C-alpha atoms as a PDB file:
ATOM      1  CA  MET A   1      -8.114   8.791 -22.576  1.00  0.00           C
ATOM      2  CA  LEU A   2      -8.154  10.854 -19.385  1.00  0.00           C
ATOM      3  CA  ILE A   3      -8.315   8.689 -16.272  1.00  0.00           C
ATOM      4  CA  LYS A   4      -8.951   9.946 -12.761  1.00  0.00           C
ATOM      5  CA  ARG A   5      -5.914   9.141 -10.636  1.00  0.00           C
ATOM      6  CA  VAL A   6      -5.797   8.680  -6.862  1.00  0.00           C
ATOM      7  CA  ASP A   7      -2.482   7.367  -5.572  1.00  0.00           C
ATOM      8  CA  THR A   8      -2.525   4.964  -2.610  1.00  0.00           C
ATOM      9  CA  HIS A   9       1.208   4.447  -2.194  1.00  0.00           C
ATOM     10  CA  PRO A  10       3.455   7.531  -2.432  1.00  0.00           C
ATOM     11  CA  HIS A  11       6.052   8.209   0.256  1.00  0.00           C
ATOM     12  CA  ILE A  12       7.548  11.416   1.579  1.00  0.00           C
ATOM     13  CA  VAL A  13      10.935  12.015   3.178  1.00  0.00           C
ATOM     14  CA  SER A  14      12.120  15.165   4.926  1.00  0.00           C
ATOM     15  CA  PRO A  15      15.660  16.545   4.752  1.00  0.00           C
ATOM     16  CA  ASP A  16      15.089  17.815   8.315  1.00  0.00           C
ATOM     17  CA  THR A  17      16.335  14.893  10.425  1.00  0.00           C
ATOM     18  CA  THR A  18      16.161  16.983  13.585  1.00  0.00           C
ATOM     19  CA  LYS A  19      12.414  17.505  13.390  1.00  0.00           C
ATOM     20  CA  TYR A  20      11.883  14.060  11.851  1.00  0.00           C
ATOM     21  CA  PRO A  21      14.594  11.765  13.269  1.00  0.00           C
ATOM     22  CA  LEU A  22      15.645   8.647  11.397  1.00  0.00           C
ATOM     23  CA  ALA A  23      14.627   5.422  13.147  1.00  0.00           C
ATOM     24  CA  PRO A  24      14.183   2.729  10.476  1.00  0.00           C
ATOM     25  CA  LEU A  25      12.520  -0.558  11.319  1.00  0.00           C
ATOM     26  CA  GLY A  26      15.033  -3.360  11.112  1.00  0.00           C
ATOM     27  CA  GLY A  27      17.824  -0.885  11.901  1.00  0.00           C
ATOM     28  CA  LYS A  28      18.658  -0.209   8.248  1.00  0.00           C
ATOM     29  CA  ARG A  29      17.362   2.724   6.249  1.00  0.00           C
ATOM     30  CA  SER A  30      15.835   1.886   2.882  1.00  0.00           C
ATOM     31  CA  ASP A  31      18.146   2.629  -0.040  1.00  0.00           C
ATOM     32  CA  TRP A  32      15.543   4.723  -1.864  1.00  0.00           C
ATOM     33  CA  SER A  33      14.996   7.084   1.079  1.00  0.00           C
ATOM     34  CA  ALA A  34      18.711   7.537   1.605  1.00  0.00           C
ATOM     35  CA  GLU A  35      19.237   8.229  -2.087  1.00  0.00           C
ATOM     36  CA  LYS A  36      16.281  10.595  -2.479  1.00  0.00           C
ATOM     37  CA  HIS A  37      16.746  12.061   1.017  1.00  0.00           C
ATOM     38  CA  SER A  38      14.044  14.585   0.168  1.00  0.00           C
ATOM     39  CA  ASN A  39      10.570  14.184  -1.183  1.00  0.00           C
ATOM     40  CA  THR A  40       8.784  16.740   0.904  1.00  0.00           C
ATOM     41  CA  VAL A  41       5.035  17.138   0.929  1.00  0.00           C
ATOM     42  CA  GLY A  42       5.427  20.198  -1.265  1.00  0.00           C
ATOM     43  CA  GLU A  43       7.450  18.191  -3.769  1.00  0.00           C
ATOM     44  CA  LEU A  44       4.853  15.418  -3.674  1.00  0.00           C
ATOM     45  CA  ILE A  45       2.018  17.857  -4.359  1.00  0.00           C
ATOM     46  CA  ALA A  46       3.974  19.340  -7.267  1.00  0.00           C
ATOM     47  CA  ALA A  47       4.547  15.848  -8.694  1.00  0.00           C
ATOM     48  CA  MET A  48       0.853  15.042  -8.242  1.00  0.00           C
ATOM     49  CA  ASP A  49      -0.132  18.218 -10.087  1.00  0.00           C
ATOM     50  CA  ASP A  50       2.261  17.392 -12.919  1.00  0.00           C
ATOM     51  CA  ALA A  51       0.941  13.812 -13.122  1.00  0.00           C
ATOM     52  CA  GLY A  52      -2.739  14.654 -12.860  1.00  0.00           C
ATOM     53  CA  VAL A  53      -3.084  12.825  -9.546  1.00  0.00           C
ATOM     54  CA  ALA A  54      -6.041  14.347  -7.745  1.00  0.00           C
ATOM     55  CA  LYS A  55      -5.478  12.959  -4.264  1.00  0.00           C
ATOM     56  CA  ALA A  56      -3.263  10.508  -2.391  1.00  0.00           C
ATOM     57  CA  ALA A  57      -3.032   8.266   0.635  1.00  0.00           C
ATOM     58  CA  VAL A  58       0.549   8.878   1.723  1.00  0.00           C
ATOM     59  CA  VAL A  59       2.140   5.743   3.129  1.00  0.00           C
ATOM     60  CA  HIS A  60       4.365   6.336   6.127  1.00  0.00           C
ATOM     61  CA  SER A  61       7.926   5.139   5.491  1.00  0.00           C
ATOM     62  CA  SER A  62       8.622   2.591   8.214  1.00  0.00           C
ATOM     63  CA  THR A  63      12.092   2.026   6.775  1.00  0.00           C
ATOM     64  CA  THR A  64      12.892   5.676   7.432  1.00  0.00           C
ATOM     65  CA  TYR A  65      10.989   6.689  10.561  1.00  0.00           C
ATOM     66  CA  GLY A  66       9.967   3.496  12.328  1.00  0.00           C
ATOM     67  CA  TYR A  67       6.712   4.107  14.183  1.00  0.00           C
ATOM     68  CA  ASP A  68       6.984   7.916  14.269  1.00  0.00           C
ATOM     69  CA  ASN A  69       4.214   9.077  11.924  1.00  0.00           C
ATOM     70  CA  SER A  70       4.797  12.791  12.474  1.00  0.00           C
ATOM     71  CA  LEU A  71       5.845  13.571   8.910  1.00  0.00           C
ATOM     72  CA  VAL A  72       2.813  12.052   7.156  1.00  0.00           C
ATOM     73  CA  LEU A  73       0.402  13.469   9.727  1.00  0.00           C
ATOM     74  CA  ASP A  74       1.912  16.935   9.342  1.00  0.00           C
ATOM     75  CA  ALA A  75       1.563  16.532   5.577  1.00  0.00           C
ATOM     76  CA  VAL A  76      -2.149  15.773   5.879  1.00  0.00           C
ATOM     77  CA  ALA A  77      -2.587  18.792   8.140  1.00  0.00           C
ATOM     78  CA  SER A  78      -0.981  20.950   5.436  1.00  0.00           C
ATOM     79  CA  TYR A  79      -3.075  19.548   2.561  1.00  0.00           C
ATOM     80  CA  PRO A  80      -6.245  18.073   4.072  1.00  0.00           C
ATOM     81  CA  ASP A  81      -8.140  18.415   0.782  1.00  0.00           C
ATOM     82  CA  ARG A  82      -5.544  16.387  -1.156  1.00  0.00           C
ATOM     83  CA  LEU A  83      -4.025  13.891   1.259  1.00  0.00           C
ATOM     84  CA  THR A  84      -4.714  11.297   3.885  1.00  0.00           C
ATOM     85  CA  ALA A  85      -2.236   9.083   5.738  1.00  0.00           C
ATOM     86  CA  VAL A  86      -1.609   5.371   6.059  1.00  0.00           C
ATOM     87  CA  CYS A  87       0.382   4.995   9.267  1.00  0.00           C
ATOM     88  CA  SER A  88       2.416   2.321  11.029  1.00  0.00           C
ATOM     89  CA  ILE A  89       2.255   1.590  14.736  1.00  0.00           C
ATOM     90  CA  ASP A  90       3.654  -1.051  17.053  1.00  0.00           C
ATOM     91  CA  VAL A  91       0.548  -3.248  17.093  1.00  0.00           C
ATOM     92  CA  LEU A  92       2.035  -5.505  19.790  1.00  0.00           C
ATOM     93  CA  ALA A  93       2.468  -2.667  22.282  1.00  0.00           C
ATOM     94  CA  PRO A  94       0.077  -2.565  25.252  1.00  0.00           C
ATOM     95  CA  ASP A  95      -1.018   0.986  24.332  1.00  0.00           C
ATOM     96  CA  ALA A  96      -1.428   0.263  20.606  1.00  0.00           C
ATOM     97  CA  VAL A  97      -5.146   1.053  20.517  1.00  0.00           C
ATOM     98  CA  ASP A  98      -4.634   4.360  22.316  1.00  0.00           C
ATOM     99  CA  VAL A  99      -1.904   5.283  19.829  1.00  0.00           C
ATOM    100  CA  LEU A 100      -4.200   4.289  16.987  1.00  0.00           C
ATOM    101  CA  LYS A 101      -7.050   6.433  18.292  1.00  0.00           C
ATOM    102  CA  ASP A 102      -4.706   9.416  18.522  1.00  0.00           C
ATOM    103  CA  ILE A 103      -3.444   9.182  14.942  1.00  0.00           C
ATOM    104  CA  LEU A 104      -6.968   8.620  13.639  1.00  0.00           C
ATOM    105  CA  ASN A 105      -7.863  11.980  15.121  1.00  0.00           C
ATOM    106  CA  ARG A 106      -4.911  13.553  13.287  1.00  0.00           C
ATOM    107  CA  GLY A 107      -5.618  12.512   9.708  1.00  0.00           C
ATOM    108  CA  CYS A 108      -4.858   8.814   9.506  1.00  0.00           C
ATOM    109  CA  SER A 109      -7.284   6.765   7.376  1.00  0.00           C
ATOM    110  CA  GLY A 110      -5.527   3.405   7.413  1.00  0.00           C
ATOM    111  CA  ILE A 111      -2.749   1.484   9.116  1.00  0.00           C
ATOM    112  CA  ARG A 112       0.022  -0.627   7.645  1.00  0.00           C
ATOM    113  CA  PHE A 113       1.637  -3.760   9.010  1.00  0.00           C
ATOM    114  CA  PHE A 114       5.206  -3.862   7.690  1.00  0.00           C
ATOM    115  CA  THR A 115       6.085  -7.545   8.106  1.00  0.00           C
ATOM    116  CA  THR A 116       8.666  -7.837   5.331  1.00  0.00           C
ATOM    117  CA  GLY A 117      10.431  -5.637   2.822  1.00  0.00           C
ATOM    118  CA  THR A 118      13.764  -4.571   1.424  1.00  0.00           C
ATOM    119  CA  THR A 119      15.250  -3.864   4.857  1.00  0.00           C
ATOM    120  CA  MET A 120      13.488  -6.858   6.453  1.00  0.00           C
ATOM    121  CA  PRO A 121      13.673  -9.525   3.712  1.00  0.00           C
ATOM    122  CA  GLY A 122      12.424 -12.358   5.906  1.00  0.00           C
ATOM    123  CA  GLN A 123       8.729 -12.774   6.717  1.00  0.00           C
ATOM    124  CA  ALA A 124       8.059 -11.657  10.297  1.00  0.00           C
ATOM    125  CA  ASP A 125       6.134 -14.135  12.431  1.00  0.00           C
ATOM    126  CA  TRP A 126       4.056 -11.665  14.475  1.00  0.00           C
ATOM    127  CA  LEU A 127       1.259 -11.081  11.953  1.00  0.00           C
ATOM    128  CA  ASN A 128      -1.137 -13.393  13.830  1.00  0.00           C
ATOM    129  CA  ASP A 129       0.190 -12.650  17.326  1.00  0.00           C
ATOM    130  CA  PRO A 130      -2.713 -12.448  19.824  1.00  0.00           C
ATOM    131  CA  ARG A 131      -1.265  -9.200  21.146  1.00  0.00           C
ATOM    132  CA  SER A 132      -2.390  -7.597  17.881  1.00  0.00           C
ATOM    133  CA  TYR A 133      -6.031  -8.611  18.356  1.00  0.00           C
ATOM    134  CA  PRO A 134      -7.094  -5.354  20.074  1.00  0.00           C
ATOM    135  CA  VAL A 135      -5.901  -3.344  17.054  1.00  0.00           C
ATOM    136  CA  TRP A 136      -7.812  -5.614  14.666  1.00  0.00           C
ATOM    137  CA  GLU A 137     -10.884  -5.323  16.881  1.00  0.00           C
ATOM    138  CA  HIS A 138     -10.704  -1.524  16.861  1.00  0.00           C
ATOM    139  CA  ALA A 139     -10.161  -1.478  13.100  1.00  0.00           C
ATOM    140  CA  GLN A 140     -13.264  -3.618  12.742  1.00  0.00           C
ATOM    141  CA  LYS A 141     -15.218  -1.283  15.002  1.00  0.00           C
ATOM    142  CA  VAL A 142     -14.331   1.907  13.101  1.00  0.00           C
ATOM    143  CA  ASN A 143     -14.173   0.421   9.577  1.00  0.00           C
ATOM    144  CA  LEU A 144     -10.438   1.055   9.244  1.00  0.00           C
ATOM    145  CA  PRO A 145      -8.527  -0.651   6.402  1.00  0.00           C
ATOM    146  CA  ILE A 146      -5.396  -2.571   7.370  1.00  0.00           C
ATOM    147  CA  CYS A 147      -2.653  -2.623   4.762  1.00  0.00           C
ATOM    148  CA  VAL A 148      -0.309  -5.614   5.023  1.00  0.00           C
ATOM    149  CA  GLN A 149       3.146  -5.784   3.488  1.00  0.00           C
ATOM    150  CA  ALA A 150       3.784  -9.524   3.384  1.00  0.00           C
ATOM    151  CA  ASN A 151       5.124 -12.181   1.057  1.00  0.00           C
ATOM    152  CA  PRO A 152       3.668 -15.612   0.223  1.00  0.00           C
ATOM    153  CA  ALA A 153       5.228 -17.100   3.366  1.00  0.00           C
ATOM    154  CA  GLY A 154       2.943 -14.853   5.417  1.00  0.00           C
ATOM    155  CA  MET A 155      -0.324 -15.848   3.754  1.00  0.00           C
ATOM    156  CA  THR A 156      -1.191 -18.568   6.294  1.00  0.00           C
ATOM    157  CA  MET A 157      -0.945 -16.024   9.109  1.00  0.00           C
ATOM    158  CA  LEU A 158      -2.917 -13.485   7.098  1.00  0.00           C
ATOM    159  CA  ARG A 159      -5.643 -16.037   6.388  1.00  0.00           C
ATOM    160  CA  GLU A 160      -5.955 -16.696  10.102  1.00  0.00           C
ATOM    161  CA  MET A 161      -6.475 -13.011  10.824  1.00  0.00           C
ATOM    162  CA  MET A 162      -8.960 -12.524   7.990  1.00  0.00           C
ATOM    163  CA  ASP A 163     -10.892 -15.547   9.246  1.00  0.00           C
ATOM    164  CA  ARG A 164     -10.934 -14.033  12.731  1.00  0.00           C
ATOM    165  CA  TYR A 165     -11.885 -10.514  11.580  1.00  0.00           C
ATOM    166  CA  PRO A 166     -13.863 -10.878   8.347  1.00  0.00           C
ATOM    167  CA  ALA A 167     -15.312  -7.356   8.568  1.00  0.00           C
ATOM    168  CA  VAL A 168     -11.879  -5.724   8.321  1.00  0.00           C
ATOM    169  CA  THR A 169     -10.857  -4.601   4.841  1.00  0.00           C
ATOM    170  CA  VAL A 170      -7.314  -5.835   4.203  1.00  0.00           C
ATOM    171  CA  VAL A 171      -5.084  -4.311   1.538  1.00  0.00           C
ATOM    172  CA  LEU A 172      -2.257  -6.536   0.312  1.00  0.00           C
ATOM    173  CA  ASP A 173       0.742  -4.436  -0.691  1.00  0.00           C
ATOM    174  CA  HIS A 174       2.252  -5.206  -4.093  1.00  0.00           C
ATOM    175  CA  ALA A 175      -0.218  -8.094  -4.584  1.00  0.00           C
ATOM    176  CA  GLY A 176       1.647 -10.166  -2.020  1.00  0.00           C
ATOM    177  CA  ARG A 177       5.019 -10.101  -3.788  1.00  0.00           C
ATOM    178  CA  ALA A 178       4.293 -13.409  -5.525  1.00  0.00           C
ATOM    179  CA  ASP A 179       6.936 -14.993  -7.731  1.00  0.00           C
ATOM    180  CA  VAL A 180       5.402 -15.156 -11.209  1.00  0.00           C
ATOM    181  CA  SER A 181       8.593 -15.881 -13.133  1.00  0.00           C
ATOM    182  CA  ASP A 182       7.371 -19.409 -13.924  1.00  0.00           C
ATOM    183  CA  GLY A 183       4.906 -17.892 -16.392  1.00  0.00           C
ATOM    184  CA  PRO A 184       1.332 -18.963 -17.165  1.00  0.00           C
ATOM    185  CA  PRO A 185      -0.569 -20.459 -15.412  1.00  0.00           C
ATOM    186  CA  PHE A 186       1.567 -18.972 -12.583  1.00  0.00           C
ATOM    187  CA  LYS A 187       1.515 -21.930 -10.207  1.00  0.00           C
ATOM    188  CA  GLU A 188       3.951 -20.188  -7.863  1.00  0.00           C
ATOM    189  CA  ALA A 189       1.381 -17.401  -7.382  1.00  0.00           C
ATOM    190  CA  GLN A 190      -1.515 -19.742  -6.689  1.00  0.00           C
ATOM    191  CA  THR A 191      -1.286 -18.910  -2.984  1.00  0.00           C
ATOM    192  CA  ILE A 192      -2.305 -15.349  -3.863  1.00  0.00           C
ATOM    193  CA  PHE A 193      -4.954 -16.302  -6.421  1.00  0.00           C
ATOM    194  CA  ASP A 194      -6.556 -18.668  -3.875  1.00  0.00           C
ATOM    195  CA  LEU A 195      -7.221 -15.716  -1.556  1.00  0.00           C
ATOM    196  CA  ALA A 196      -9.574 -14.013  -4.005  1.00  0.00           C
ATOM    197  CA  PRO A 197     -12.686 -16.221  -3.698  1.00  0.00           C
ATOM    198  CA  ALA A 198     -12.083 -17.057  -0.048  1.00  0.00           C
ATOM    199  CA  TYR A 199     -11.721 -13.491   1.278  1.00  0.00           C
ATOM    200  CA  PRO A 200     -13.985 -10.880  -0.326  1.00  0.00           C
ATOM    201  CA  GLN A 201     -12.641  -8.308   2.149  1.00  0.00           C
ATOM    202  CA  LEU A 202      -9.191  -8.485   0.523  1.00  0.00           C
ATOM    203  CA  VAL A 203      -7.978  -5.775  -1.887  1.00  0.00           C
ATOM    204  CA  VAL A 204      -4.679  -6.053  -3.765  1.00  0.00           C
ATOM    205  CA  LYS A 205      -2.524  -3.048  -4.471  1.00  0.00           C
ATOM    206  CA  PHE A 206      -1.414  -2.665  -8.095  1.00  0.00           C
ATOM    207  CA  THR A 207       2.039  -1.076  -8.046  1.00  0.00           C
ATOM    208  CA  PRO A 208       5.208  -0.861 -10.156  1.00  0.00           C
ATOM    209  CA  ALA A 209       6.511  -3.817  -8.120  1.00  0.00           C
ATOM    210  CA  VAL A 210       3.688  -5.946  -9.536  1.00  0.00           C
ATOM    211  CA  ILE A 211       4.543  -4.875 -13.083  1.00  0.00           C
ATOM    212  CA  GLY A 212       8.245  -5.411 -12.477  1.00  0.00           C
ATOM    213  CA  ARG A 213       7.754  -8.940 -11.185  1.00  0.00           C
ATOM    214  CA  ALA A 214       5.515  -9.661 -14.154  1.00  0.00           C
ATOM    215  CA  ARG A 215       8.487  -8.950 -16.436  1.00  0.00           C
ATOM    216  CA  GLN A 216      10.704 -11.615 -14.889  1.00  0.00           C
ATOM    217  CA  GLY A 217      11.405 -15.060 -16.293  1.00  0.00           C
ATOM    218  CA  LYS A 218       8.638 -16.476 -18.463  1.00  0.00           C
ATOM    219  CA  SER A 219       6.081 -13.919 -17.285  1.00  0.00           C
ATOM    220  CA  THR A 220       4.893 -10.747 -18.975  1.00  0.00           C
ATOM    221  CA  PRO A 221       2.473  -8.059 -17.772  1.00  0.00           C
ATOM    222  CA  GLU A 222       0.224  -9.022 -20.691  1.00  0.00           C
ATOM    223  CA  THR A 223      -0.123 -12.565 -19.307  1.00  0.00           C
ATOM    224  CA  PHE A 224      -0.074 -11.978 -15.548  1.00  0.00           C
ATOM    225  CA  VAL A 225      -2.077  -8.782 -14.997  1.00  0.00           C
ATOM    226  CA  PRO A 226      -5.238 -10.032 -16.759  1.00  0.00           C
ATOM    227  CA  MET A 227      -5.201 -13.101 -14.502  1.00  0.00           C
ATOM    228  CA  LEU A 228      -4.863 -10.871 -11.443  1.00  0.00           C
ATOM    229  CA  VAL A 229      -7.791  -8.742 -12.635  1.00  0.00           C
ATOM    230  CA  GLU A 230      -9.852 -11.843 -13.373  1.00  0.00           C
ATOM    231  CA  ALA A 231      -9.203 -13.198  -9.868  1.00  0.00           C
ATOM    232  CA  PHE A 232      -9.908 -10.065  -7.851  1.00  0.00           C
ATOM    233  CA  GLY A 233     -11.838  -7.790 -10.183  1.00  0.00           C
ATOM    234  CA  PRO A 234     -11.219  -4.032 -10.561  1.00  0.00           C
ATOM    235  CA  GLU A 235     -13.336  -3.342  -7.447  1.00  0.00           C
ATOM    236  CA  ARG A 236     -10.735  -5.176  -5.353  1.00  0.00           C
ATOM    237  CA  MET A 237      -7.644  -3.669  -6.931  1.00  0.00           C
ATOM    238  CA  MET A 238      -6.206  -0.206  -6.405  1.00  0.00           C
ATOM    239  CA  TRP A 239      -3.271   1.653  -7.846  1.00  0.00           C
ATOM    240  CA  GLY A 240      -0.261   2.819  -5.873  1.00  0.00           C
ATOM    241  CA  SER A 241       2.811   4.495  -7.362  1.00  0.00           C
ATOM    242  CA  ASN A 242       5.451   3.695  -4.725  1.00  0.00           C
ATOM    243  CA  PHE A 243       6.860   7.113  -5.730  1.00  0.00           C
ATOM    244  CA  PRO A 244       9.684   8.019  -5.270  1.00  0.00           C
ATOM    245  CA  ALA A 245      10.916   4.532  -4.323  1.00  0.00           C
ATOM    246  CA  SER A 246      10.053   3.204  -7.780  1.00  0.00           C
ATOM    247  CA  PRO A 247      12.118   4.384 -10.772  1.00  0.00           C
ATOM    248  CA  GLY A 248      10.793   7.284 -12.808  1.00  0.00           C
ATOM    249  CA  GLY A 249       8.626  10.269 -12.077  1.00  0.00           C
ATOM    250  CA  LEU A 250       5.071  10.038 -10.832  1.00  0.00           C
ATOM    251  CA  ALA A 251       3.584  10.876 -14.231  1.00  0.00           C
ATOM    252  CA  ALA A 252       5.620   8.140 -15.951  1.00  0.00           C
ATOM    253  CA  ILE A 253       4.638   5.599 -13.291  1.00  0.00           C
ATOM    254  CA  ALA A 254       0.946   6.419 -13.704  1.00  0.00           C
ATOM    255  CA  GLU A 255       1.158   6.249 -17.482  1.00  0.00           C
ATOM    256  CA  GLU A 256       2.913   2.878 -17.399  1.00  0.00           C
ATOM    257  CA  SER A 257       0.287   1.478 -15.039  1.00  0.00           C
ATOM    258  CA  GLU A 258      -2.539   2.621 -17.311  1.00  0.00           C
ATOM    259  CA  THR A 259      -0.760   1.217 -20.357  1.00  0.00           C
ATOM    260  CA  VAL A 260      -0.555  -2.205 -18.696  1.00  0.00           C
ATOM    261  CA  LEU A 261      -4.284  -1.960 -17.892  1.00  0.00           C
ATOM    262  CA  ALA A 262      -5.249  -0.821 -21.394  1.00  0.00           C
ATOM    263  CA  PHE A 263      -6.877  -4.174 -22.181  1.00  0.00           C
ATOM    264  CA  LEU A 264      -9.726  -3.096 -19.877  1.00  0.00           C
ATOM    265  CA  PRO A 265     -12.562  -0.654 -20.621  1.00  0.00           C
ATOM    266  CA  LYS A 266     -11.978   2.886 -19.354  1.00  0.00           C
ATOM    267  CA  ALA A 267     -14.453   2.508 -16.462  1.00  0.00           C
ATOM    268  CA  LYS A 268     -12.568  -0.499 -15.112  1.00  0.00           C
ATOM    269  CA  VAL A 269      -9.186   1.161 -15.503  1.00  0.00           C
ATOM    270  CA  GLU A 270     -10.537   4.147 -13.579  1.00  0.00           C
ATOM    271  CA  GLN A 271     -11.872   1.842 -10.869  1.00  0.00           C
ATOM    272  CA  ILE A 272      -8.347   0.556 -10.272  1.00  0.00           C
ATOM    273  CA  MET A 273      -6.686   3.962 -10.667  1.00  0.00           C
ATOM    274  CA  SER A 274      -9.057   5.836  -8.338  1.00  0.00           C
ATOM    275  CA  GLY A 275     -12.427   4.262  -7.555  1.00  0.00           C
ATOM    276  CA  THR A 276     -11.304   1.594  -5.109  1.00  0.00           C
ATOM    277  CA  ALA A 277      -9.116   4.093  -3.278  1.00  0.00           C
ATOM    278  CA  GLN A 278     -12.004   6.496  -2.826  1.00  0.00           C
ATOM    279  CA  ARG A 279     -14.153   3.664  -1.470  1.00  0.00           C
ATOM    280  CA  LEU A 280     -11.558   2.554   1.065  1.00  0.00           C
ATOM    281  CA  TYR A 281     -10.486   6.058   2.080  1.00  0.00           C
ATOM    282  CA  PRO A 282     -13.638   8.218   2.124  1.00  0.00           C
ATOM    283  CA  THR A 283     -11.653  11.390   2.878  1.00  0.00           C
ATOM    284  CA  LEU A 284     -10.254  11.073  -0.660  1.00  0.00           C
ATOM    285  CA  ALA A 285     -13.701  10.951  -2.233  1.00  0.00           C
ATOM    286  CA  ASP A 286     -14.789  13.763  -4.550  1.00  0.00           C
END
């Protein structure tokens, strides 16, 4: 069964640290980027070709380059027919909107708020800071998706912002990193499930991290993923590989994701693997 694939979460890393200086958020470089130390745009395109991935929204690596989006923007300039960029900026800075306007003119199709992660394990408290309002307002004005990397502790802040800016499409990285190890009916993940009916503007990203968490404790992908699909629907889910941060090659990651989704009809699998991405990022449309 051939499925159209559009990746919404690959990363690239350059071996040239003079042109692209290291400046990781949190002061610590992510282990995966230090270990890989090179996944250039050319290498990404080759991996995409091998994996049958038509197009991709390359996610800027905040844990490698901080707020310097030069590498992903240069990548889009090199392959404008295959790639777009999801960038990170300092949304609390006084000039944040001006910075945002500049990167939008250079190939950015979405922005990402990195409020927690492997190098920043705690949940940052700035997600609902009023200083970020101008960026949300501009995103609302230009129909720009905001991708949020947050954990369940950040959902109250995220709810506040989605209440304030209901016209902004929000993408929740890794389905909110919910703990599902308790198994069905996944009471620990209820905070995430509760978002689905309340916020139709919310899209969850289906990544290897979601599958990995679903294999912990009493959970399995066969029990958790169908509940996630039932809550949000394929139209509000989109695939991201997290390549090369996730183990395995891009082709293997894509195949595993489709295997986990095999309980769905082909059209719904394809919606998650490409359709939602092409809706959110029109430059990736056919």
